[in-house]
Structure formats: C-alpha cells, structure tokens
PDB file of N, CA and C in Angstrom:
ATOM      1  N   MET A   1      16.010 -13.853   2.388  1.00  0.00           N
ATOM      2  CA  MET A   1      14.748 -13.137   2.456  1.00  0.00           C
ATOM      3  C   MET A   1      15.047 -11.670   2.780  1.00  0.00           C
ATOM      4  N   GLU A   2      14.311 -10.762   2.152  1.00  0.00           N
ATOM      5  CA  GLU A   2      14.508  -9.337   2.387  1.00  0.00           C
ATOM      6  C   GLU A   2      13.155  -8.619   2.382  1.00  0.00           C
ATOM      7  N   PHE A   3      13.164  -7.368   2.797  1.00  0.00           N
ATOM      8  CA  PHE A   3      11.951  -6.564   2.721  1.00  0.00           C
ATOM      9  C   PHE A   3      11.593  -6.350   1.260  1.00  0.00           C
ATOM     10  N   VAL A   4      10.331  -6.577   0.911  1.00  0.00           N
ATOM     11  CA  VAL A   4       9.886  -6.394  -0.471  1.00  0.00           C
ATOM     12  C   VAL A   4       8.444  -5.888  -0.467  1.00  0.00           C
ATOM     13  N   LEU A   5       8.190  -4.878  -1.296  1.00  0.00           N
ATOM     14  CA  LEU A   5       6.820  -4.446  -1.591  1.00  0.00           C
ATOM     15  C   LEU A   5       6.549  -4.875  -3.017  1.00  0.00           C
ATOM     16  N   TYR A   6       5.649  -5.819  -3.198  1.00  0.00           N
ATOM     17  CA  TYR A   6       5.344  -6.332  -4.529  1.00  0.00           C
ATOM     18  C   TYR A   6       4.377  -5.389  -5.246  1.00  0.00           C
ATOM     19  N   GLN A   7       4.344  -5.481  -6.566  1.00  0.00           N
ATOM     20  CA  GLN A   7       3.398  -4.684  -7.341  1.00  0.00           C
ATOM     21  C   GLN A   7       1.984  -5.144  -7.026  1.00  0.00           C
ATOM     22  N   ASN A   8       1.094  -4.181  -6.858  1.00  0.00           N
ATOM     23  CA  ASN A   8      -0.300  -4.523  -6.560  1.00  0.00           C
ATOM     24  C   ASN A   8      -0.934  -5.280  -7.727  1.00  0.00           C
ATOM     25  N   PHE A   9      -2.002  -6.025  -7.404  1.00  0.00           N
ATOM     26  CA  PHE A   9      -2.717  -6.777  -8.431  1.00  0.00           C
ATOM     27  C   PHE A   9      -4.198  -6.734  -8.132  1.00  0.00           C
ATOM     28  N   PRO A  10      -5.054  -6.454  -9.070  1.00  0.00           N
ATOM     29  CA  PRO A  10      -4.698  -6.030 -10.425  1.00  0.00           C
ATOM     30  C   PRO A  10      -4.229  -4.576 -10.455  1.00  0.00           C
ATOM     31  N   ASN A  11      -3.588  -4.212 -11.524  1.00  0.00           N
ATOM     32  CA  ASN A  11      -3.127  -2.847 -11.736  1.00  0.00           C
ATOM     33  C   ASN A  11      -3.104  -2.590 -13.232  1.00  0.00           C
ATOM     34  N   PRO A  12      -3.955  -1.729 -13.762  1.00  0.00           N
ATOM     35  CA  PRO A  12      -4.922  -0.857 -13.101  1.00  0.00           C
ATOM     36  C   PRO A  12      -6.033  -1.660 -12.420  1.00  0.00           C
ATOM     37  N   PHE A  13      -6.712  -0.981 -11.486  1.00  0.00           N
ATOM     38  CA  PHE A  13      -7.744  -1.668 -10.717  1.00  0.00           C
ATOM     39  C   PHE A  13      -9.020  -0.845 -10.577  1.00  0.00           C
ATOM     40  N   ASN A  14     -10.102  -1.559 -10.289  1.00  0.00           N
ATOM     41  CA  ASN A  14     -11.406  -0.988  -9.962  1.00  0.00           C
ATOM     42  C   ASN A  14     -12.295  -2.163  -9.558  1.00  0.00           C
ATOM     43  N   PRO A  15     -12.823  -2.262  -8.401  1.00  0.00           N
ATOM     44  CA  PRO A  15     -12.867  -1.235  -7.357  1.00  0.00           C
ATOM     45  C   PRO A  15     -11.786  -1.406  -6.295  1.00  0.00           C
ATOM     46  N   GLU A  16     -11.083  -2.567  -6.254  1.00  0.00           N
ATOM     47  CA  GLU A  16     -10.073  -2.749  -5.213  1.00  0.00           C
ATOM     48  C   GLU A  16      -8.857  -3.478  -5.754  1.00  0.00           C
ATOM     49  N   THR A  17      -7.764  -3.393  -4.986  1.00  0.00           N
ATOM     50  CA  THR A  17      -6.516  -4.027  -5.385  1.00  0.00           C
ATOM     51  C   THR A  17      -5.844  -4.646  -4.172  1.00  0.00           C
ATOM     52  N   GLU A  18      -5.075  -5.692  -4.411  1.00  0.00           N
ATOM     53  CA  GLU A  18      -4.360  -6.403  -3.356  1.00  0.00           C
ATOM     54  C   GLU A  18      -2.894  -5.985  -3.368  1.00  0.00           C
ATOM     55  N   ILE A  19      -2.372  -5.675  -2.181  1.00  0.00           N
ATOM     56  CA  ILE A  19      -0.981  -5.245  -2.033  1.00  0.00           C
ATOM     57  C   ILE A  19      -0.275  -6.248  -1.129  1.00  0.00           C
ATOM     58  N   ARG A  20       0.755  -6.903  -1.670  1.00  0.00           N
ATOM     59  CA  ARG A  20       1.513  -7.904  -0.913  1.00  0.00           C
ATOM     60  C   ARG A  20       2.892  -7.355  -0.575  1.00  0.00           C
ATOM     61  N   TYR A  21       3.382  -7.743   0.591  1.00  0.00           N
ATOM     62  CA  TYR A  21       4.731  -7.342   0.988  1.00  0.00           C
ATOM     63  C   TYR A  21       5.331  -8.428   1.865  1.00  0.00           C
ATOM     64  N   GLU A  22       6.655  -8.454   1.897  1.00  0.00           N
ATOM     65  CA  GLU A  22       7.378  -9.511   2.592  1.00  0.00           C
ATOM     66  C   GLU A  22       8.306  -8.905   3.639  1.00  0.00           C
ATOM     67  N   LEU A  23       8.288  -9.489   4.828  1.00  0.00           N
ATOM     68  CA  LEU A  23       9.131  -9.046   5.927  1.00  0.00           C
ATOM     69  C   LEU A  23      10.109 -10.152   6.300  1.00  0.00           C
ATOM     70  N   PRO A  24      11.435  -9.886   6.275  1.00  0.00           N
ATOM     71  CA  PRO A  24      12.415 -10.911   6.644  1.00  0.00           C
ATOM     72  C   PRO A  24      12.547 -11.079   8.160  1.00  0.00           C
ATOM     73  N   LYS A  25      11.994 -10.114   8.897  1.00  0.00           N
ATOM     74  CA  LYS A  25      11.997 -10.184  10.357  1.00  0.00           C
ATOM     75  C   LYS A  25      10.798  -9.394  10.873  1.00  0.00           C
ATOM     76  N   ALA A  26      10.429  -9.633  12.106  1.00  0.00           N
ATOM     77  CA  ALA A  26       9.322  -8.889  12.699  1.00  0.00           C
ATOM     78  C   ALA A  26       9.674  -7.405  12.705  1.00  0.00           C
ATOM     79  N   ALA A  27       8.686  -6.566  12.385  1.00  0.00           N
ATOM     80  CA  ALA A  27       8.941  -5.131  12.297  1.00  0.00           C
ATOM     81  C   ALA A  27       7.645  -4.354  12.446  1.00  0.00           C
ATOM     82  N   ARG A  28       7.765  -3.088  12.830  1.00  0.00           N
ATOM     83  CA  ARG A  28       6.621  -2.177  12.829  1.00  0.00           C
ATOM     84  C   ARG A  28       6.436  -1.736  11.387  1.00  0.00           C
ATOM     85  N   VAL A  29       5.233  -1.942  10.846  1.00  0.00           N
ATOM     86  CA  VAL A  29       4.947  -1.695   9.430  1.00  0.00           C
ATOM     87  C   VAL A  29       3.992  -0.520   9.274  1.00  0.00           C
ATOM     88  N   ASN A  30       4.320   0.361   8.350  1.00  0.00           N
ATOM     89  CA  ASN A  30       3.405   1.409   7.901  1.00  0.00           C
ATOM     90  C   ASN A  30       3.237   1.226   6.397  1.00  0.00           C
ATOM     91  N   LEU A  31       2.007   1.017   5.965  1.00  0.00           N
ATOM     92  CA  LEU A  31       1.684   0.868   4.550  1.00  0.00           C
ATOM     93  C   LEU A  31       0.645   1.936   4.235  1.00  0.00           C
ATOM     94  N   GLU A  32       1.030   2.902   3.393  1.00  0.00           N
ATOM     95  CA  GLU A  32       0.193   4.067   3.159  1.00  0.00           C
ATOM     96  C   GLU A  32       0.014   4.342   1.670  1.00  0.00           C
ATOM     97  N   ILE A  33      -1.125   4.941   1.352  1.00  0.00           N
ATOM     98  CA  ILE A  33      -1.448   5.339  -0.018  1.00  0.00           C
ATOM     99  C   ILE A  33      -1.339   6.854  -0.112  1.00  0.00           C
ATOM    100  N   TYR A  34      -0.700   7.336  -1.195  1.00  0.00           N
ATOM    101  CA  TYR A  34      -0.507   8.766  -1.420  1.00  0.00           C
ATOM    102  C   TYR A  34      -1.032   9.176  -2.793  1.00  0.00           C
ATOM    103  N   HIS A  35      -1.493  10.440  -2.886  1.00  0.00           N
ATOM    104  CA  HIS A  35      -1.844  11.052  -4.168  1.00  0.00           C
ATOM    105  C   HIS A  35      -0.574  11.287  -4.967  1.00  0.00           C
ATOM    106  N   LEU A  36      -0.750  11.562  -6.235  1.00  0.00           N
ATOM    107  CA  LEU A  36       0.361  11.909  -7.122  1.00  0.00           C
ATOM    108  C   LEU A  36       1.124  13.125  -6.591  1.00  0.00           C
ATOM    109  N   ILE A  37       0.420  14.047  -5.915  1.00  0.00           N
ATOM    110  CA  ILE A  37       1.062  15.262  -5.393  1.00  0.00           C
ATOM    111  C   ILE A  37       1.711  15.056  -4.028  1.00  0.00           C
ATOM    112  N   GLY A  38       1.648  13.840  -3.488  1.00  0.00           N
ATOM    113  CA  GLY A  38       2.333  13.517  -2.246  1.00  0.00           C
ATOM    114  C   GLY A  38       1.502  13.605  -0.992  1.00  0.00           C
ATOM    115  N   GLN A  39       0.216  13.906  -1.116  1.00  0.00           N
ATOM    116  CA  GLN A  39      -0.674  13.979   0.044  1.00  0.00           C
ATOM    117  C   GLN A  39      -1.138  12.573   0.431  1.00  0.00           C
ATOM    118  N   LYS A  40      -1.083  12.274   1.740  1.00  0.00           N
ATOM    119  CA  LYS A  40      -1.524  10.947   2.197  1.00  0.00           C
ATOM    120  C   LYS A  40      -3.029  10.804   2.024  1.00  0.00           C
ATOM    121  N   VAL A  41      -3.448   9.679   1.429  1.00  0.00           N
ATOM    122  CA  VAL A  41      -4.846   9.373   1.187  1.00  0.00           C
ATOM    123  C   VAL A  41      -5.397   8.467   2.284  1.00  0.00           C
ATOM    124  N   LYS A  42      -4.619   7.428   2.616  1.00  0.00           N
ATOM    125  CA  LYS A  42      -5.111   6.447   3.579  1.00  0.00           C
ATOM    126  C   LYS A  42      -3.954   5.608   4.122  1.00  0.00           C
ATOM    127  N   THR A  43      -4.053   5.239   5.392  1.00  0.00           N
ATOM    128  CA  THR A  43      -3.122   4.285   5.994  1.00  0.00           C
ATOM    129  C   THR A  43      -3.795   2.924   5.976  1.00  0.00           C
ATOM    130  N   LEU A  44      -3.149   1.949   5.342  1.00  0.00           N
ATOM    131  CA  LEU A  44      -3.710   0.598   5.262  1.00  0.00           C
ATOM    132  C   LEU A  44      -3.243  -0.285   6.416  1.00  0.00           C
ATOM    133  N   VAL A  45      -1.981  -0.127   6.808  1.00  0.00           N
ATOM    134  CA  VAL A  45      -1.416  -0.932   7.898  1.00  0.00           C
ATOM    135  C   VAL A  45      -0.545  -0.020   8.752  1.00  0.00           C
ATOM    136  N   GLU A  46      -0.709  -0.140  10.063  1.00  0.00           N
ATOM    137  CA  GLU A  46       0.132   0.600  11.009  1.00  0.00           C
ATOM    138  C   GLU A  46       0.208  -0.228  12.290  1.00  0.00           C
ATOM    139  N   LYS A  47       1.115  -1.247  12.253  1.00  0.00           N
ATOM    140  CA  LYS A  47       1.214  -2.139  13.410  1.00  0.00           C
ATOM    141  C   LYS A  47       2.468  -3.001  13.312  1.00  0.00           C
ATOM    142  N   GLN A  48       2.776  -3.659  14.394  1.00  0.00           N
ATOM    143  CA  GLN A  48       3.863  -4.632  14.450  1.00  0.00           C
ATOM    144  C   GLN A  48       3.394  -5.897  13.737  1.00  0.00           C
ATOM    145  N   GLN A  49       4.262  -6.457  12.887  1.00  0.00           N
ATOM    146  CA  GLN A  49       3.912  -7.695  12.190  1.00  0.00           C
ATOM    147  C   GLN A  49       5.073  -8.674  12.223  1.00  0.00           C
ATOM    148  N   ASP A  50       4.742  -9.953  12.152  1.00  0.00           N
ATOM    149  CA  ASP A  50       5.738 -11.024  12.171  1.00  0.00           C
ATOM    150  C   ASP A  50       6.372 -11.207  10.799  1.00  0.00           C
ATOM    151  N   VAL A  51       7.450 -11.970  10.787  1.00  0.00           N
ATOM    152  CA  VAL A  51       8.132 -12.329   9.555  1.00  0.00           C
ATOM    153  C   VAL A  51       7.161 -13.037   8.609  1.00  0.00           C
ATOM    154  N   GLY A  52       7.348 -12.847   7.292  1.00  0.00           N
ATOM    155  CA  GLY A  52       6.528 -13.549   6.314  1.00  0.00           C
ATOM    156  C   GLY A  52       5.925 -12.631   5.274  1.00  0.00           C
ATOM    157  N   ILE A  53       5.028 -13.204   4.474  1.00  0.00           N
ATOM    158  CA  ILE A  53       4.333 -12.463   3.418  1.00  0.00           C
ATOM    159  C   ILE A  53       2.979 -12.021   3.962  1.00  0.00           C
ATOM    160  N   HIS A  54       2.667 -10.762   3.762  1.00  0.00           N
ATOM    161  CA  HIS A  54       1.425 -10.167   4.252  1.00  0.00           C
ATOM    162  C   HIS A  54       0.669  -9.536   3.084  1.00  0.00           C
ATOM    163  N   THR A  55      -0.633  -9.387   3.256  1.00  0.00           N
ATOM    164  CA  THR A  55      -1.481  -8.821   2.210  1.00  0.00           C
ATOM    165  C   THR A  55      -2.396  -7.763   2.808  1.00  0.00           C
ATOM    166  N   ALA A  56      -2.529  -6.654   2.080  1.00  0.00           N
ATOM    167  CA  ALA A  56      -3.491  -5.616   2.441  1.00  0.00           C
ATOM    168  C   ALA A  56      -4.317  -5.326   1.192  1.00  0.00           C
ATOM    169  N   THR A  57      -5.551  -4.898   1.394  1.00  0.00           N
ATOM    170  CA  THR A  57      -6.425  -4.566   0.274  1.00  0.00           C
ATOM    171  C   THR A  57      -6.798  -3.093   0.357  1.00  0.00           C
ATOM    172  N   TRP A  58      -6.694  -2.396  -0.768  1.00  0.00           N
ATOM    173  CA  TRP A  58      -7.152  -1.013  -0.832  1.00  0.00           C
ATOM    174  C   TRP A  58      -8.400  -0.972  -1.694  1.00  0.00           C
ATOM    175  N   ASP A  59      -9.449  -0.383  -1.145  1.00  0.00           N
ATOM    176  CA  ASP A  59     -10.747  -0.329  -1.815  1.00  0.00           C
ATOM    177  C   ASP A  59     -10.989   0.960  -2.608  1.00  0.00           C
ATOM    178  N   GLY A  60      -9.940   1.754  -2.832  1.00  0.00           N
ATOM    179  CA  GLY A  60     -10.083   2.985  -3.611  1.00  0.00           C
ATOM    180  C   GLY A  60     -10.776   4.096  -2.845  1.00  0.00           C
ATOM    181  N   LYS A  61     -10.771   3.995  -1.511  1.00  0.00           N
ATOM    182  CA  LYS A  61     -11.394   5.022  -0.674  1.00  0.00           C
ATOM    183  C   LYS A  61     -10.333   5.731   0.159  1.00  0.00           C
ATOM    184  N   ASP A  62     -10.636   6.970   0.529  1.00  0.00           N
ATOM    185  CA  ASP A  62      -9.717   7.723   1.367  1.00  0.00           C
ATOM    186  C   ASP A  62      -9.941   7.387   2.846  1.00  0.00           C
ATOM    187  N   ALA A  63      -9.259   8.102   3.726  1.00  0.00           N
ATOM    188  CA  ALA A  63      -9.340   7.846   5.163  1.00  0.00           C
ATOM    189  C   ALA A  63     -10.728   8.134   5.734  1.00  0.00           C
ATOM    190  N   PHE A  64     -11.549   8.883   4.991  1.00  0.00           N
ATOM    191  CA  PHE A  64     -12.906   9.222   5.438  1.00  0.00           C
ATOM    192  C   PHE A  64     -13.968   8.316   4.818  1.00  0.00           C
ATOM    193  N   GLY A  65     -13.531   7.303   4.034  1.00  0.00           N
ATOM    194  CA  GLY A  65     -14.460   6.361   3.426  1.00  0.00           C
ATOM    195  C   GLY A  65     -15.062   6.831   2.120  1.00  0.00           C
ATOM    196  N   LYS A  66     -14.526   7.923   1.563  1.00  0.00           N
ATOM    197  CA  LYS A  66     -15.036   8.445   0.293  1.00  0.00           C
ATOM    198  C   LYS A  66     -14.215   7.903  -0.866  1.00  0.00           C
ATOM    199  N   ASP A  67     -14.907   7.616  -1.985  1.00  0.00           N
ATOM    200  CA  ASP A  67     -14.211   7.164  -3.187  1.00  0.00           C
ATOM    201  C   ASP A  67     -13.251   8.243  -3.675  1.00  0.00           C
ATOM    202  N   VAL A  68     -12.024   7.831  -4.019  1.00  0.00           N
ATOM    203  CA  VAL A  68     -11.080   8.762  -4.629  1.00  0.00           C
ATOM    204  C   VAL A  68     -11.282   8.720  -6.141  1.00  0.00           C
ATOM    205  N   THR A  69     -10.766   9.720  -6.835  1.00  0.00           N
ATOM    206  CA  THR A  69     -10.934   9.816  -8.282  1.00  0.00           C
ATOM    207  C   THR A  69      -9.973   8.880  -9.007  1.00  0.00           C
ATOM    208  N   SER A  70     -10.260   8.618 -10.257  1.00  0.00           N
ATOM    209  CA  SER A  70      -9.344   7.857 -11.103  1.00  0.00           C
ATOM    210  C   SER A  70      -8.011   8.568 -11.149  1.00  0.00           C
ATOM    211  N   GLY A  71      -6.945   7.802 -11.274  1.00  0.00           N
ATOM    212  CA  GLY A  71      -5.628   8.426 -11.395  1.00  0.00           C
ATOM    213  C   GLY A  71      -4.514   7.555 -10.867  1.00  0.00           C
ATOM    214  N   ILE A  72      -3.351   8.192 -10.759  1.00  0.00           N
ATOM    215  CA  ILE A  72      -2.139   7.531 -10.286  1.00  0.00           C
ATOM    216  C   ILE A  72      -2.012   7.774  -8.782  1.00  0.00           C
ATOM    217  N   TYR A  73      -1.721   6.701  -8.060  1.00  0.00           N
ATOM    218  CA  TYR A  73      -1.489   6.765  -6.620  1.00  0.00           C
ATOM    219  C   TYR A  73      -0.204   6.006  -6.316  1.00  0.00           C
ATOM    220  N   PHE A  74       0.340   6.221  -5.136  1.00  0.00           N
ATOM    221  CA  PHE A  74       1.546   5.522  -4.722  1.00  0.00           C
ATOM    222  C   PHE A  74       1.294   4.808  -3.403  1.00  0.00           C
ATOM    223  N   CYS A  75       1.819   3.602  -3.313  1.00  0.00           N
ATOM    224  CA  CYS A  75       1.760   2.818  -2.091  1.00  0.00           C
ATOM    225  C   CYS A  75       3.179   2.799  -1.519  1.00  0.00           C
ATOM    226  N   GLN A  76       3.307   3.185  -0.248  1.00  0.00           N
ATOM    227  CA  GLN A  76       4.622   3.231   0.390  1.00  0.00           C
ATOM    228  C   GLN A  76       4.661   2.278   1.576  1.00  0.00           C
ATOM    229  N   LEU A  77       5.668   1.406   1.576  1.00  0.00           N
ATOM    230  CA  LEU A  77       5.920   0.498   2.690  1.00  0.00           C
ATOM    231  C   LEU A  77       7.120   1.013   3.471  1.00  0.00           C
ATOM    232  N   GLN A  78       6.943   1.170   4.791  1.00  0.00           N
ATOM    233  CA  GLN A  78       8.040   1.514   5.693  1.00  0.00           C
ATOM    234  C   GLN A  78       8.090   0.446   6.774  1.00  0.00           C
ATOM    235  N   ALA A  79       9.292  -0.111   6.986  1.00  0.00           N
ATOM    236  CA  ALA A  79       9.468  -1.128   8.018  1.00  0.00           C
ATOM    237  C   ALA A  79      10.940  -1.215   8.396  1.00  0.00           C
ATOM    238  N   ASP A  80      11.247  -0.984   9.653  1.00  0.00           N
ATOM    239  CA  ASP A  80      12.611  -1.152  10.166  1.00  0.00           C
ATOM    240  C   ASP A  80      13.648  -0.397   9.335  1.00  0.00           C
ATOM    241  N   GLY A  81      13.363   0.847   8.959  1.00  0.00           N
ATOM    242  CA  GLY A  81      14.287   1.659   8.174  1.00  0.00           C
ATOM    243  C   GLY A  81      14.206   1.428   6.677  1.00  0.00           C
ATOM    244  N   PHE A  82      13.479   0.435   6.251  1.00  0.00           N
ATOM    245  CA  PHE A  82      13.289   0.129   4.828  1.00  0.00           C
ATOM    246  C   PHE A  82      12.111   0.946   4.299  1.00  0.00           C
ATOM    247  N   VAL A  83      12.264   1.491   3.101  1.00  0.00           N
ATOM    248  CA  VAL A  83      11.177   2.213   2.434  1.00  0.00           C
ATOM    249  C   VAL A  83      11.152   1.794   0.964  1.00  0.00           C
ATOM    250  N   GLN A  84       9.967   1.437   0.478  1.00  0.00           N
ATOM    251  CA  GLN A  84       9.797   1.122  -0.941  1.00  0.00           C
ATOM    252  C   GLN A  84       8.438   1.648  -1.383  1.00  0.00           C
ATOM    253  N   ILE A  85       8.386   2.124  -2.633  1.00  0.00           N
ATOM    254  CA  ILE A  85       7.167   2.728  -3.178  1.00  0.00           C
ATOM    255  C   ILE A  85       6.816   2.046  -4.497  1.00  0.00           C
ATOM    256  N   ARG A  86       5.516   1.819  -4.698  1.00  0.00           N
ATOM    257  CA  ARG A  86       5.002   1.277  -5.965  1.00  0.00           C
ATOM    258  C   ARG A  86       3.893   2.179  -6.476  1.00  0.00           C
ATOM    259  N   LYS A  87       3.790   2.262  -7.796  1.00  0.00           N
ATOM    260  CA  LYS A  87       2.752   3.069  -8.434  1.00  0.00           C
ATOM    261  C   LYS A  87       1.515   2.221  -8.680  1.00  0.00           C
ATOM    262  N   LEU A  88       0.327   2.781  -8.352  1.00  0.00           N
ATOM    263  CA  LEU A  88      -0.952   2.119  -8.556  1.00  0.00           C
ATOM    264  C   LEU A  88      -1.808   3.000  -9.460  1.00  0.00           C
ATOM    265  N   THR A  89      -2.599   2.374 -10.311  1.00  0.00           N
ATOM    266  CA  THR A  89      -3.488   3.124 -11.191  1.00  0.00           C
ATOM    267  C   THR A  89      -4.931   2.708 -10.936  1.00  0.00           C
ATOM    268  N   LEU A  90      -5.752   3.679 -10.540  1.00  0.00           N
ATOM    269  CA  LEU A  90      -7.170   3.451 -10.302  1.00  0.00           C
ATOM    270  C   LEU A  90      -7.953   3.978 -11.502  1.00  0.00           C
ATOM    271  N   MET A  91      -8.776   3.116 -12.080  1.00  0.00           N
ATOM    272  CA  MET A  91      -9.600   3.521 -13.234  1.00  0.00           C
ATOM    273  C   MET A  91     -11.054   3.286 -12.881  1.00  0.00           C
ATOM    274  N   ARG A  92     -11.789   4.352 -12.692  1.00  0.00           N
ATOM    275  CA  ARG A  92     -13.224   4.247 -12.332  1.00  0.00           C
ATOM    276  C   ARG A  92     -14.065   4.212 -13.583  1.00  0.00           C
TER     277      ARG A  92
END
C-alpha cells in the first residue's frame, strides 16, 4: 500500500466531483484545489487521518462559497512528505 491520489470522478464535472486518496499510514493530510495559474481556490481537507481510502467532494466553489468559472483546476494531496497532483475539469 502506498500514498495515492486517484483521478476525480466524474471528470469533467458539474456541479461536483469526488476525489479519492489512499494513505498507507496515518498522516496529516492537506487536500487543496488550485487554479491553472497556481492560486489556491479551496482547502478540502486539512487534518490528521488514519490509514485507508478516503473521499472528499468538491462542489466547484471557492473558499468563500462562490461558484468558480469553467476551466482546468488542480487537486494537490500532501501527506507525510508525499505530494501528488491531478488535473480536474469543471464545465458549467
């Protein structure tokens, strides 16, 4: 078992998408959404989590609860020194 950030589903998505990731050991997890230009849009997870498969849902809104525009976004998982990024496509 290893750290894994799976591709979101559905992708492209509207209005929301499910993001799954796997932890081989307990770790502090940061799961964040970024714009194409690298600006953080929203933090989905920021906490200690146990080993196993976890799921987060992104509703296409920013940190202020406003709908973001259609386009390409990136989901970044950070846990125990591990970093992985996946591309997400929002189509409104």
